[in-house]
Amino acid sequence: MSEPLSKQELSAELIGYQLGLCDEGDRRRVEATLRDRRALASACARVERLLTPLEGDESPAPPADLVASILDRVQESRNTLPFTQRAAALLPTPVESGGRGPMFNLRELVGLAAAIALFLGILVPGYRTARQSAQQAMCANNMRLIGEGYASYAATYGNPMPYVRRMRSGDTWLPTGDGTTRFKNSPNAWVLVSTRLVQGKAFNCPERSQDIPLETDPPEGLNDFPDPRNNSMATMAITENWTLRNFDPEMPVAADMNPLIDDAEASTGAGRSSENSRSHGGRGQNVLRGELSVRWARTPRVGVDNDDIYRLIGIQEYTGQEWPRLRSDAFLIP
């Protein structure tokens, strides 16, 4: 049993927990301290609000030819760059040339260009990493809200998982473009939105720039997300109307989008899919487990007995008509 954290320790660990940067031991200690899921979700939401300013800023990469372009400008100005009298006061040793006032010589400008390049090389990647971590944490928090929705649905309707129907003969869960009927697993997740247990925007991963969060209340009468881009998550392909008790506590229930399907809702093709979801640049994926906790996984092999959550046991090539044959074989599809 993990030891609870003190109030001071909890404050220090919450940011790492929200960013997915703490190890397994620290993660369990935070969850042991905040046993109430509402308290944990509230604490994570406070951290998310603190990180929100990172999301609003863009961080364009510096031009690859930054140093070269500076040096070209130096050459065009005949190796010198005049400065105003005010700026010249900042120079330790002004250089006089033909009465034109203080200037930088070529050596100083090369040093300045190198310093700027070094500064950008250190700062910009670090800022981009922080921004990615914030988006990853926001995605994890959205997945926790989905987990709370599953728990509420089970408590309200006698412990079942949301379930509409399973795939019929001739359907395919993999987009083919040849007119074959497309089976979508997302109507099962949509039940949580249509019953007002989860807001539609919780199914959005902020790091997937092409996706569109569903900000409004769901229209009446729909049985799926209005736009496929409203749903960034892949959920468990279940073969029958299971209950939460059917799931091993470590069994994945939902995660970032399956890499077998690309960002344009099309098949990636055999042998071209990455191991991890592409939602976070291939770094890993957030995974919602059967006991409704969320963890950051750097590999998809986090199912029961290290099962790959995006692929079926023993299958390498996919036509879209494959289906899990074992309850322990996690298979998350959109």
C-alpha atoms as a PDB file:
ATOM      1  CA  MET A   1       0.000   0.000   0.000  1.00  0.00           C
ATOM      2  CA  SER A   2       1.482   3.380  -0.984  1.00  0.00           C
ATOM      3  CA  GLU A   3       2.159   5.843   1.849  1.00  0.00           C
ATOM      4  CA  PRO A   4       0.060   9.048   1.655  1.00  0.00           C
ATOM      5  CA  LEU A   5       1.917  12.305   1.061  1.00  0.00           C
ATOM      6  CA  SER A   6       1.994  15.245   3.435  1.00  0.00           C
ATOM      7  CA  LYS A   7       0.268  18.430   2.312  1.00  0.00           C
ATOM      8  CA  GLN A   8       3.615  20.005   1.380  1.00  0.00           C
ATOM      9  CA  GLU A   9       4.764  16.898  -0.505  1.00  0.00           C
ATOM     10  CA  LEU A  10       1.434  16.671  -2.327  1.00  0.00           C
ATOM     11  CA  SER A  11       1.759  20.259  -3.602  1.00  0.00           C
ATOM     12  CA  ALA A  12       5.233  19.478  -4.918  1.00  0.00           C
ATOM     13  CA  GLU A  13       4.194  16.224  -6.619  1.00  0.00           C
ATOM     14  CA  LEU A  14       0.923  17.366  -8.240  1.00  0.00           C
ATOM     15  CA  ILE A  15       2.575  19.191 -11.148  1.00  0.00           C
ATOM     16  CA  GLY A  16       4.709  16.153 -11.980  1.00  0.00           C
ATOM     17  CA  TYR A  17       1.623  13.952 -11.684  1.00  0.00           C
ATOM     18  CA  GLN A  18      -0.419  16.184 -13.997  1.00  0.00           C
ATOM     19  CA  LEU A  19       2.428  16.410 -16.527  1.00  0.00           C
ATOM     20  CA  GLY A  20       3.001  12.653 -16.451  1.00  0.00           C
ATOM     21  CA  LEU A  21       6.607  13.171 -15.325  1.00  0.00           C
ATOM     22  CA  CYS A  22       6.549  11.306 -12.005  1.00  0.00           C
ATOM     23  CA  ASP A  23       7.472   7.670 -11.664  1.00  0.00           C
ATOM     24  CA  GLU A  24       5.043   4.876 -10.843  1.00  0.00           C
ATOM     25  CA  GLY A  25       5.728   5.047  -7.096  1.00  0.00           C
ATOM     26  CA  ASP A  26       5.060   8.800  -6.847  1.00  0.00           C
ATOM     27  CA  ARG A  27       1.960   8.448  -9.036  1.00  0.00           C
ATOM     28  CA  ARG A  28       0.502   5.833  -6.699  1.00  0.00           C
ATOM     29  CA  ARG A  29       1.330   7.951  -3.642  1.00  0.00           C
ATOM     30  CA  VAL A  30      -0.580  10.917  -5.089  1.00  0.00           C
ATOM     31  CA  GLU A  31      -3.574   8.672  -5.846  1.00  0.00           C
ATOM     32  CA  ALA A  32      -3.343   7.133  -2.359  1.00  0.00           C
ATOM     33  CA  THR A  33      -3.392  10.617  -0.804  1.00  0.00           C
ATOM     34  CA  LEU A  34      -6.351  11.825  -2.900  1.00  0.00           C
ATOM     35  CA  ARG A  35      -8.484   8.692  -2.767  1.00  0.00           C
ATOM     36  CA  ASP A  36     -11.652  10.587  -3.686  1.00  0.00           C
ATOM     37  CA  ARG A  37     -11.711  10.849  -7.510  1.00  0.00           C
ATOM     38  CA  ARG A  38     -13.470  14.207  -7.345  1.00  0.00           C
ATOM     39  CA  ALA A  39     -10.720  15.604  -5.128  1.00  0.00           C
ATOM     40  CA  LEU A  40      -8.056  14.248  -7.486  1.00  0.00           C
ATOM     41  CA  ALA A  41      -9.835  15.650 -10.551  1.00  0.00           C
ATOM     42  CA  SER A  42     -10.250  19.034  -8.816  1.00  0.00           C
ATOM     43  CA  ALA A  43      -6.544  19.162  -7.890  1.00  0.00           C
ATOM     44  CA  CYS A  44      -5.544  18.246 -11.462  1.00  0.00           C
ATOM     45  CA  ALA A  45      -7.897  20.917 -12.820  1.00  0.00           C
ATOM     46  CA  ARG A  46      -6.186  23.566 -10.665  1.00  0.00           C
ATOM     47  CA  VAL A  47      -2.786  22.559 -12.034  1.00  0.00           C
ATOM     48  CA  GLU A  48      -4.200  22.601 -15.566  1.00  0.00           C
ATOM     49  CA  ARG A  49      -5.411  26.191 -15.094  1.00  0.00           C
ATOM     50  CA  LEU A  50      -1.898  27.189 -14.027  1.00  0.00           C
ATOM     51  CA  LEU A  51      -0.494  25.605 -17.203  1.00  0.00           C
ATOM     52  CA  THR A  52      -3.126  27.078 -19.532  1.00  0.00           C
ATOM     53  CA  PRO A  53      -1.000  30.133 -20.555  1.00  0.00           C
ATOM     54  CA  LEU A  54       1.477  27.752 -22.226  1.00  0.00           C
ATOM     55  CA  GLU A  55      -1.280  26.539 -24.550  1.00  0.00           C
ATOM     56  CA  GLY A  56      -2.063  30.026 -25.831  1.00  0.00           C
ATOM     57  CA  ASP A  57       1.424  30.827 -27.083  1.00  0.00           C
ATOM     58  CA  GLU A  58       2.879  29.681 -30.353  1.00  0.00           C
ATOM     59  CA  SER A  59       6.531  28.632 -30.462  1.00  0.00           C
ATOM     60  CA  PRO A  60       7.721  28.780 -34.062  1.00  0.00           C
ATOM     61  CA  ALA A  61      11.043  27.099 -34.665  1.00  0.00           C
ATOM     62  CA  PRO A  62      13.948  29.469 -35.383  1.00  0.00           C
ATOM     63  CA  PRO A  63      15.014  29.572 -39.043  1.00  0.00           C
ATOM     64  CA  ALA A  64      17.617  26.946 -39.858  1.00  0.00           C
ATOM     65  CA  ASP A  65      19.718  29.566 -41.628  1.00  0.00           C
ATOM     66  CA  LEU A  66      19.626  32.123 -38.786  1.00  0.00           C
ATOM     67  CA  VAL A  67      23.395  32.405 -38.324  1.00  0.00           C
ATOM     68  CA  ALA A  68      24.086  32.342 -42.061  1.00  0.00           C
ATOM     69  CA  SER A  69      21.564  35.118 -42.750  1.00  0.00           C
ATOM     70  CA  ILE A  70      23.118  37.329 -40.056  1.00  0.00           C
ATOM     71  CA  LEU A  71      26.565  36.801 -41.513  1.00  0.00           C
ATOM     72  CA  ASP A  72      25.257  37.592 -45.015  1.00  0.00           C
ATOM     73  CA  ARG A  73      23.892  40.892 -43.754  1.00  0.00           C
ATOM     74  CA  VAL A  74      27.253  41.627 -42.153  1.00  0.00           C
ATOM     75  CA  GLN A  75      29.032  41.022 -45.456  1.00  0.00           C
ATOM     76  CA  GLU A  76      26.590  43.294 -47.272  1.00  0.00           C
ATOM     77  CA  SER A  77      27.412  46.121 -44.887  1.00  0.00           C
ATOM     78  CA  ARG A  78      31.158  45.756 -45.499  1.00  0.00           C
ATOM     79  CA  ASN A  79      31.849  43.965 -42.225  1.00  0.00           C
ATOM     80  CA  THR A  80      30.457  46.738 -39.973  1.00  0.00           C
ATOM     81  CA  LEU A  81      27.067  47.648 -38.576  1.00  0.00           C
ATOM     82  CA  PRO A  82      26.509  51.218 -37.329  1.00  0.00           C
ATOM     83  CA  PHE A  83      24.662  51.718 -34.053  1.00  0.00           C
ATOM     84  CA  THR A  84      22.885  54.761 -32.668  1.00  0.00           C
ATOM     85  CA  GLN A  85      24.576  56.853 -30.021  1.00  0.00           C
ATOM     86  CA  ARG A  86      22.216  55.459 -27.417  1.00  0.00           C
ATOM     87  CA  ALA A  87      23.012  51.856 -28.271  1.00  0.00           C
ATOM     88  CA  ALA A  88      26.710  52.683 -28.447  1.00  0.00           C
ATOM     89  CA  ALA A  89      26.693  53.495 -24.735  1.00  0.00           C
ATOM     90  CA  LEU A  90      26.159  49.788 -24.091  1.00  0.00           C
ATOM     91  CA  LEU A  91      29.375  48.844 -25.899  1.00  0.00           C
ATOM     92  CA  PRO A  92      32.439  48.336 -23.684  1.00  0.00           C
ATOM     93  CA  THR A  93      34.923  49.587 -26.298  1.00  0.00           C
ATOM     94  CA  PRO A  94      33.455  51.726 -29.114  1.00  0.00           C
ATOM     95  CA  VAL A  95      35.249  51.418 -32.435  1.00  0.00           C
ATOM     96  CA  GLU A  96      35.652  54.583 -34.457  1.00  0.00           C
ATOM     97  CA  SER A  97      35.673  54.446 -38.253  1.00  0.00           C
ATOM     98  CA  GLY A  98      35.814  57.455 -40.506  1.00  0.00           C
ATOM     99  CA  GLY A  99      33.770  59.651 -38.176  1.00  0.00           C
ATOM    100  CA  ARG A 100      30.643  57.519 -38.625  1.00  0.00           C
ATOM    101  CA  GLY A 101      30.312  56.661 -34.920  1.00  0.00           C
ATOM    102  CA  PRO A 102      30.513  53.450 -32.923  1.00  0.00           C
ATOM    103  CA  MET A 103      30.228  50.099 -34.714  1.00  0.00           C
ATOM    104  CA  PHE A 104      30.453  46.343 -34.201  1.00  0.00           C
ATOM    105  CA  ASN A 105      33.282  44.660 -36.021  1.00  0.00           C
ATOM    106  CA  LEU A 106      32.910  41.310 -37.749  1.00  0.00           C
ATOM    107  CA  ARG A 107      34.344  39.267 -34.885  1.00  0.00           C
ATOM    108  CA  GLU A 108      31.888  40.750 -32.399  1.00  0.00           C
ATOM    109  CA  LEU A 109      28.949  40.150 -34.724  1.00  0.00           C
ATOM    110  CA  VAL A 110      29.950  36.523 -35.284  1.00  0.00           C
ATOM    111  CA  GLY A 111      30.065  36.066 -31.525  1.00  0.00           C
ATOM    112  CA  LEU A 112      26.669  37.739 -31.148  1.00  0.00           C
ATOM    113  CA  ALA A 113      25.149  35.535 -33.847  1.00  0.00           C
ATOM    114  CA  ALA A 114      26.554  32.428 -32.174  1.00  0.00           C
ATOM    115  CA  ALA A 115      25.183  33.548 -28.798  1.00  0.00           C
ATOM    116  CA  ILE A 116      21.721  34.112 -30.292  1.00  0.00           C
ATOM    117  CA  ALA A 117      21.781  30.717 -32.000  1.00  0.00           C
ATOM    118  CA  LEU A 118      22.876  29.045 -28.762  1.00  0.00           C
ATOM    119  CA  PHE A 119      20.183  30.854 -26.787  1.00  0.00           C
ATOM    120  CA  LEU A 120      17.443  29.812 -29.218  1.00  0.00           C
ATOM    121  CA  GLY A 121      18.809  26.279 -29.379  1.00  0.00           C
ATOM    122  CA  ILE A 122      18.436  25.939 -25.608  1.00  0.00           C
ATOM    123  CA  LEU A 123      15.292  27.976 -24.925  1.00  0.00           C
ATOM    124  CA  VAL A 124      12.985  27.093 -27.818  1.00  0.00           C
ATOM    125  CA  PRO A 125      13.244  23.282 -27.549  1.00  0.00           C
ATOM    126  CA  GLY A 126      12.773  23.554 -23.776  1.00  0.00           C
ATOM    127  CA  TYR A 127       9.685  25.701 -24.211  1.00  0.00           C
ATOM    128  CA  ARG A 128       8.298  23.316 -26.834  1.00  0.00           C
ATOM    129  CA  THR A 129       8.852  20.381 -24.470  1.00  0.00           C
ATOM    130  CA  ALA A 130       7.030  22.219 -21.676  1.00  0.00           C
ATOM    131  CA  ARG A 131       4.134  22.973 -24.002  1.00  0.00           C
ATOM    132  CA  GLN A 132       3.913  19.339 -25.115  1.00  0.00           C
ATOM    133  CA  SER A 133       3.941  18.248 -21.469  1.00  0.00           C
ATOM    134  CA  ALA A 134       1.098  20.663 -20.685  1.00  0.00           C
ATOM    135  CA  GLN A 135      -0.979  19.337 -23.597  1.00  0.00           C
ATOM    136  CA  GLN A 136      -0.205  15.768 -22.558  1.00  0.00           C
ATOM    137  CA  ALA A 137      -1.412  16.585 -19.041  1.00  0.00           C
ATOM    138  CA  MET A 138      -4.618  18.196 -20.351  1.00  0.00           C
ATOM    139  CA  CYS A 139      -5.264  15.068 -22.428  1.00  0.00           C
ATOM    140  CA  ALA A 140      -4.779  12.902 -19.327  1.00  0.00           C
ATOM    141  CA  ASN A 141      -7.201  15.060 -17.363  1.00  0.00           C
ATOM    142  CA  ASN A 142      -9.799  14.714 -20.134  1.00  0.00           C
ATOM    143  CA  MET A 143      -9.344  10.957 -19.954  1.00  0.00           C
ATOM    144  CA  ARG A 144      -9.910  11.053 -16.182  1.00  0.00           C
ATOM    145  CA  LEU A 145     -13.221  12.807 -16.842  1.00  0.00           C
ATOM    146  CA  ILE A 146     -14.136  10.000 -19.248  1.00  0.00           C
ATOM    147  CA  GLY A 147     -13.255   7.492 -16.523  1.00  0.00           C
ATOM    148  CA  GLU A 148     -15.571   9.303 -14.114  1.00  0.00           C
ATOM    149  CA  GLY A 149     -18.271   9.094 -16.799  1.00  0.00           C
ATOM    150  CA  TYR A 150     -17.849   5.330 -17.054  1.00  0.00           C
ATOM    151  CA  ALA A 151     -18.124   5.040 -13.265  1.00  0.00           C
ATOM    152  CA  SER A 152     -21.252   7.222 -13.182  1.00  0.00           C
ATOM    153  CA  TYR A 153     -22.845   5.266 -16.025  1.00  0.00           C
ATOM    154  CA  ALA A 154     -22.189   1.971 -14.238  1.00  0.00           C
ATOM    155  CA  ALA A 155     -23.598   3.312 -10.963  1.00  0.00           C
ATOM    156  CA  THR A 156     -26.691   4.709 -12.695  1.00  0.00           C
ATOM    157  CA  TYR A 157     -27.579   1.769 -14.929  1.00  0.00           C
ATOM    158  CA  GLY A 158     -26.635  -1.266 -12.857  1.00  0.00           C
ATOM    159  CA  ASN A 159     -22.900  -1.589 -13.614  1.00  0.00           C
ATOM    160  CA  PRO A 160     -22.836  -2.104 -17.439  1.00  0.00           C
ATOM    161  CA  MET A 161     -20.366  -0.520 -19.817  1.00  0.00           C
ATOM    162  CA  PRO A 162     -21.943   1.748 -22.482  1.00  0.00           C
ATOM    163  CA  TYR A 163     -22.738  -0.580 -25.361  1.00  0.00           C
ATOM    164  CA  VAL A 164     -24.688  -0.065 -28.610  1.00  0.00           C
ATOM    165  CA  ARG A 165     -23.788  -2.956 -30.889  1.00  0.00           C
ATOM    166  CA  ARG A 166     -20.854  -5.019 -32.072  1.00  0.00           C
ATOM    167  CA  MET A 167     -19.533  -5.379 -35.610  1.00  0.00           C
ATOM    168  CA  ARG A 168     -21.679  -7.404 -38.016  1.00  0.00           C
ATOM    169  CA  SER A 169     -20.457  -9.795 -40.686  1.00  0.00           C
ATOM    170  CA  GLY A 170     -19.131  -7.854 -43.675  1.00  0.00           C
ATOM    171  CA  ASP A 171     -18.409  -4.679 -41.684  1.00  0.00           C
ATOM    172  CA  THR A 172     -14.900  -3.366 -41.172  1.00  0.00           C
ATOM    173  CA  TRP A 173     -13.536  -1.135 -38.417  1.00  0.00           C
ATOM    174  CA  LEU A 174     -10.639  -0.137 -40.697  1.00  0.00           C
ATOM    175  CA  PRO A 175     -11.439   2.535 -43.335  1.00  0.00           C
ATOM    176  CA  THR A 176     -11.066   1.042 -46.833  1.00  0.00           C
ATOM    177  CA  GLY A 177     -12.474   3.654 -49.217  1.00  0.00           C
ATOM    178  CA  ASP A 178     -14.158   0.954 -51.320  1.00  0.00           C
ATOM    179  CA  GLY A 179     -17.703   1.368 -49.995  1.00  0.00           C
ATOM    180  CA  THR A 180     -17.469  -1.353 -47.337  1.00  0.00           C
ATOM    181  CA  THR A 181     -19.687  -0.542 -44.373  1.00  0.00           C
ATOM    182  CA  ARG A 182     -17.536   1.107 -41.712  1.00  0.00           C
ATOM    183  CA  PHE A 183     -18.043  -0.130 -38.164  1.00  0.00           C
ATOM    184  CA  LYS A 184     -17.320   2.544 -35.581  1.00  0.00           C
ATOM    185  CA  ASN A 185     -16.770   1.871 -31.917  1.00  0.00           C
ATOM    186  CA  SER A 186     -17.342   5.529 -30.986  1.00  0.00           C
ATOM    187  CA  PRO A 187     -21.164   5.237 -30.539  1.00  0.00           C
ATOM    188  CA  ASN A 188     -20.430   3.288 -27.340  1.00  0.00           C
ATOM    189  CA  ALA A 189     -18.444   6.279 -26.030  1.00  0.00           C
ATOM    190  CA  TRP A 190     -21.048   8.721 -27.384  1.00  0.00           C
ATOM    191  CA  VAL A 191     -23.556   7.261 -24.899  1.00  0.00           C
ATOM    192  CA  LEU A 192     -21.613   9.014 -22.130  1.00  0.00           C
ATOM    193  CA  VAL A 193     -22.068  12.351 -23.930  1.00  0.00           C
ATOM    194  CA  SER A 194     -25.735  11.870 -24.893  1.00  0.00           C
ATOM    195  CA  THR A 195     -26.606  10.974 -21.275  1.00  0.00           C
ATOM    196  CA  ARG A 196     -24.813  14.170 -20.102  1.00  0.00           C
ATOM    197  CA  LEU A 197     -22.317  12.225 -17.979  1.00  0.00           C
ATOM    198  CA  VAL A 198     -19.279  13.538 -19.900  1.00  0.00           C
ATOM    199  CA  GLN A 199     -18.886  16.768 -21.844  1.00  0.00           C
ATOM    200  CA  GLY A 200     -18.115  16.176 -25.508  1.00  0.00           C
ATOM    201  CA  LYS A 201     -14.907  18.225 -25.362  1.00  0.00           C
ATOM    202  CA  ALA A 202     -13.412  15.672 -22.927  1.00  0.00           C
ATOM    203  CA  PHE A 203     -12.911  13.333 -25.900  1.00  0.00           C
ATOM    204  CA  ASN A 204     -10.473  15.799 -27.464  1.00  0.00           C
ATOM    205  CA  CYS A 205      -6.675  15.568 -27.190  1.00  0.00           C
ATOM    206  CA  PRO A 206      -5.311  19.158 -27.347  1.00  0.00           C
ATOM    207  CA  GLU A 207      -2.112  17.964 -29.032  1.00  0.00           C
ATOM    208  CA  ARG A 208      -4.078  16.755 -32.090  1.00  0.00           C
ATOM    209  CA  SER A 209      -4.298  20.090 -33.922  1.00  0.00           C
ATOM    210  CA  GLN A 210      -6.535  18.675 -36.662  1.00  0.00           C
ATOM    211  CA  ASP A 211      -9.247  17.579 -34.187  1.00  0.00           C
ATOM    212  CA  ILE A 212     -12.146  19.788 -33.086  1.00  0.00           C
ATOM    213  CA  PRO A 213     -13.422  19.729 -29.477  1.00  0.00           C
ATOM    214  CA  LEU A 214     -17.218  19.502 -29.173  1.00  0.00           C
ATOM    215  CA  GLU A 215     -17.871  22.618 -27.096  1.00  0.00           C
ATOM    216  CA  THR A 216     -21.703  22.647 -27.264  1.00  0.00           C
ATOM    217  CA  ASP A 217     -24.313  20.323 -25.811  1.00  0.00           C
ATOM    218  CA  PRO A 218     -24.923  17.296 -28.049  1.00  0.00           C
ATOM    219  CA  PRO A 219     -27.790  17.650 -30.526  1.00  0.00           C
ATOM    220  CA  GLU A 220     -30.790  15.466 -29.777  1.00  0.00           C
ATOM    221  CA  GLY A 221     -31.230  12.205 -31.663  1.00  0.00           C
ATOM    222  CA  LEU A 222     -27.578  11.598 -32.605  1.00  0.00           C
ATOM    223  CA  ASN A 223     -26.013   8.198 -31.964  1.00  0.00           C
ATOM    224  CA  ASP A 224     -22.402   9.235 -32.653  1.00  0.00           C
ATOM    225  CA  PHE A 225     -20.127  12.276 -32.608  1.00  0.00           C
ATOM    226  CA  PRO A 226     -21.311  14.878 -35.177  1.00  0.00           C
ATOM    227  CA  ASP A 227     -17.821  15.022 -36.701  1.00  0.00           C
ATOM    228  CA  PRO A 228     -15.172  12.245 -36.494  1.00  0.00           C
ATOM    229  CA  ARG A 229     -12.695  14.959 -35.491  1.00  0.00           C
ATOM    230  CA  ASN A 230     -14.682  15.478 -32.256  1.00  0.00           C
ATOM    231  CA  ASN A 231     -13.254  12.207 -30.943  1.00  0.00           C
ATOM    232  CA  SER A 232      -9.490  11.821 -30.406  1.00  0.00           C
ATOM    233  CA  MET A 233      -9.790   8.613 -28.386  1.00  0.00           C
ATOM    234  CA  ALA A 234      -9.841   4.905 -29.116  1.00  0.00           C
ATOM    235  CA  THR A 235     -11.996   2.753 -26.838  1.00  0.00           C
ATOM    236  CA  MET A 236     -12.219  -0.924 -25.981  1.00  0.00           C
ATOM    237  CA  ALA A 237     -13.792  -3.110 -28.675  1.00  0.00           C
ATOM    238  CA  ILE A 238     -16.108  -5.244 -26.558  1.00  0.00           C
ATOM    239  CA  THR A 239     -17.873  -8.312 -27.888  1.00  0.00           C
ATOM    240  CA  GLU A 240     -20.904  -8.183 -25.601  1.00  0.00           C
ATOM    241  CA  ASN A 241     -22.592  -6.019 -23.015  1.00  0.00           C
ATOM    242  CA  TRP A 242     -19.870  -6.215 -20.369  1.00  0.00           C
ATOM    243  CA  THR A 243     -19.927  -4.739 -16.894  1.00  0.00           C
ATOM    244  CA  LEU A 244     -17.074  -3.010 -15.130  1.00  0.00           C
ATOM    245  CA  ARG A 245     -16.636  -6.155 -13.019  1.00  0.00           C
ATOM    246  CA  ASN A 246     -15.679  -8.038 -16.196  1.00  0.00           C
ATOM    247  CA  PHE A 247     -12.534  -5.951 -16.539  1.00  0.00           C
ATOM    248  CA  ASP A 248      -9.202  -6.734 -14.953  1.00  0.00           C
ATOM    249  CA  PRO A 249      -8.107  -3.608 -13.014  1.00  0.00           C
ATOM    250  CA  GLU A 250      -5.135  -3.291 -15.407  1.00  0.00           C
ATOM    251  CA  MET A 251      -7.281  -3.747 -18.530  1.00  0.00           C
ATOM    252  CA  PRO A 252      -7.133  -0.651 -20.797  1.00  0.00           C
ATOM    253  CA  VAL A 253     -10.562   0.848 -21.482  1.00  0.00           C
ATOM    254  CA  ALA A 254      -9.578   3.906 -23.541  1.00  0.00           C
ATOM    255  CA  ALA A 255      -6.412   5.544 -24.874  1.00  0.00           C
ATOM    256  CA  ASP A 256      -5.138   8.006 -27.465  1.00  0.00           C
ATOM    257  CA  MET A 257      -6.019   7.188 -31.092  1.00  0.00           C
ATOM    258  CA  ASN A 258      -4.947   3.806 -32.522  1.00  0.00           C
ATOM    259  CA  PRO A 259      -1.928   4.221 -34.865  1.00  0.00           C
ATOM    260  CA  LEU A 260      -3.461   1.756 -37.357  1.00  0.00           C
ATOM    261  CA  ILE A 261      -5.757   4.634 -38.368  1.00  0.00           C
ATOM    262  CA  ASP A 262      -4.124   7.884 -39.450  1.00  0.00           C
ATOM    263  CA  ASP A 263      -5.085  11.473 -38.704  1.00  0.00           C
ATOM    264  CA  ALA A 264      -7.271  11.659 -41.825  1.00  0.00           C
ATOM    265  CA  GLU A 265      -9.439   8.734 -40.677  1.00  0.00           C
ATOM    266  CA  ALA A 266      -7.835   6.352 -43.163  1.00  0.00           C
ATOM    267  CA  SER A 267      -5.866   3.138 -42.864  1.00  0.00           C
ATOM    268  CA  THR A 268      -2.133   3.625 -42.406  1.00  0.00           C
ATOM    269  CA  GLY A 269      -1.480   0.435 -44.387  1.00  0.00           C
ATOM    270  CA  ALA A 270       0.393  -2.690 -43.373  1.00  0.00           C
ATOM    271  CA  GLY A 271       3.852  -2.059 -42.010  1.00  0.00           C
ATOM    272  CA  ARG A 272       3.536   1.759 -42.027  1.00  0.00           C
ATOM    273  CA  SER A 273       1.904   2.356 -38.663  1.00  0.00           C
ATOM    274  CA  SER A 274       3.987   3.503 -35.727  1.00  0.00           C
ATOM    275  CA  GLU A 275       4.017   1.500 -32.513  1.00  0.00           C
ATOM    276  CA  ASN A 276       2.633   4.337 -30.396  1.00  0.00           C
ATOM    277  CA  SER A 277      -0.323   6.599 -31.043  1.00  0.00           C
ATOM    278  CA  ARG A 278       0.613   9.635 -33.155  1.00  0.00           C
ATOM    279  CA  SER A 279      -1.496  11.927 -30.962  1.00  0.00           C
ATOM    280  CA  HIS A 280       1.585  12.939 -28.943  1.00  0.00           C
ATOM    281  CA  GLY A 281       4.139  12.756 -31.720  1.00  0.00           C
ATOM    282  CA  GLY A 282       4.842   9.072 -31.125  1.00  0.00           C
ATOM    283  CA  ARG A 283       6.257   9.742 -27.625  1.00  0.00           C
ATOM    284  CA  GLY A 284       3.620   7.541 -25.975  1.00  0.00           C
ATOM    285  CA  GLN A 285      -0.054   7.610 -25.030  1.00  0.00           C
ATOM    286  CA  ASN A 286      -2.390   8.286 -22.113  1.00  0.00           C
ATOM    287  CA  VAL A 287      -4.225   5.110 -21.100  1.00  0.00           C
ATOM    288  CA  LEU A 288      -7.429   4.786 -19.035  1.00  0.00           C
ATOM    289  CA  ARG A 289      -7.462   1.474 -17.177  1.00  0.00           C
ATOM    290  CA  GLY A 290     -10.223  -0.788 -15.872  1.00  0.00           C
ATOM    291  CA  GLU A 291      -9.931   0.593 -12.355  1.00  0.00           C
ATOM    292  CA  LEU A 292     -10.407   4.031 -13.990  1.00  0.00           C
ATOM    293  CA  SER A 293      -6.989   5.558 -13.320  1.00  0.00           C
ATOM    294  CA  VAL A 294      -4.960   7.200 -16.097  1.00  0.00           C
ATOM    295  CA  ARG A 295      -1.292   6.562 -16.775  1.00  0.00           C
ATOM    296  CA  TRP A 296       1.210   7.796 -19.350  1.00  0.00           C
ATOM    297  CA  ALA A 297       2.728   4.852 -21.230  1.00  0.00           C
ATOM    298  CA  ARG A 298       5.808   5.131 -23.450  1.00  0.00           C
ATOM    299  CA  THR A 299       4.891   1.842 -25.133  1.00  0.00           C
ATOM    300  CA  PRO A 300       1.489   0.347 -26.079  1.00  0.00           C
ATOM    301  CA  ARG A 301       2.397  -2.928 -24.364  1.00  0.00           C
ATOM    302  CA  VAL A 302       0.620  -2.009 -21.139  1.00  0.00           C
ATOM    303  CA  GLY A 303      -2.347  -4.393 -21.248  1.00  0.00           C
ATOM    304  CA  VAL A 304      -2.776  -7.530 -19.174  1.00  0.00           C
ATOM    305  CA  ASP A 305       0.457  -9.565 -19.362  1.00  0.00           C
ATOM    306  CA  ASN A 306       2.123  -6.779 -21.439  1.00  0.00           C
ATOM    307  CA  ASP A 307      -0.499  -7.051 -24.175  1.00  0.00           C
ATOM    308  CA  ASP A 308      -0.329  -4.454 -27.005  1.00  0.00           C
ATOM    309  CA  ILE A 309      -3.450  -2.320 -26.557  1.00  0.00           C
ATOM    310  CA  TYR A 310      -3.666  -1.372 -30.257  1.00  0.00           C
ATOM    311  CA  ARG A 311      -3.116  -4.784 -31.867  1.00  0.00           C
ATOM    312  CA  LEU A 312      -4.615  -8.252 -31.537  1.00  0.00           C
ATOM    313  CA  ILE A 313      -2.614 -11.209 -30.290  1.00  0.00           C
ATOM    314  CA  GLY A 314      -1.015 -13.140 -33.142  1.00  0.00           C
ATOM    315  CA  ILE A 315      -2.205 -10.859 -35.980  1.00  0.00           C
ATOM    316  CA  GLN A 316       0.246  -8.847 -38.097  1.00  0.00           C
ATOM    317  CA  GLU A 317      -1.813  -7.878 -41.177  1.00  0.00           C
ATOM    318  CA  TYR A 318      -5.228  -6.224 -40.734  1.00  0.00           C
ATOM    319  CA  THR A 319      -8.245  -6.157 -43.038  1.00  0.00           C
ATOM    320  CA  GLY A 320     -10.562  -4.461 -40.532  1.00  0.00           C
ATOM    321  CA  GLN A 321     -12.657  -7.542 -39.749  1.00  0.00           C
ATOM    322  CA  GLU A 322     -10.485  -8.830 -36.910  1.00  0.00           C
ATOM    323  CA  TRP A 323     -11.948  -8.940 -33.405  1.00  0.00           C
ATOM    324  CA  PRO A 324     -10.586  -9.874 -29.945  1.00  0.00           C
ATOM    325  CA  ARG A 325     -11.208 -13.514 -29.038  1.00  0.00           C
ATOM    326  CA  LEU A 326      -9.989 -13.289 -25.465  1.00  0.00           C
ATOM    327  CA  ARG A 327     -11.235 -10.949 -22.773  1.00  0.00           C
ATOM    328  CA  SER A 328      -7.626 -10.302 -21.799  1.00  0.00           C
ATOM    329  CA  ASP A 329      -6.766  -9.135 -25.351  1.00  0.00           C
ATOM    330  CA  ALA A 330      -7.172  -5.358 -25.277  1.00  0.00           C
ATOM    331  CA  PHE A 331      -8.070  -3.814 -28.642  1.00  0.00           C
ATOM    332  CA  LEU A 332      -8.763  -0.075 -28.692  1.00  0.00           C
ATOM    333  CA  ILE A 333     -10.315   1.348 -31.872  1.00  0.00           C
ATOM    334  CA  PRO A 334     -12.180   4.589 -32.724  1.00  0.00           C
END
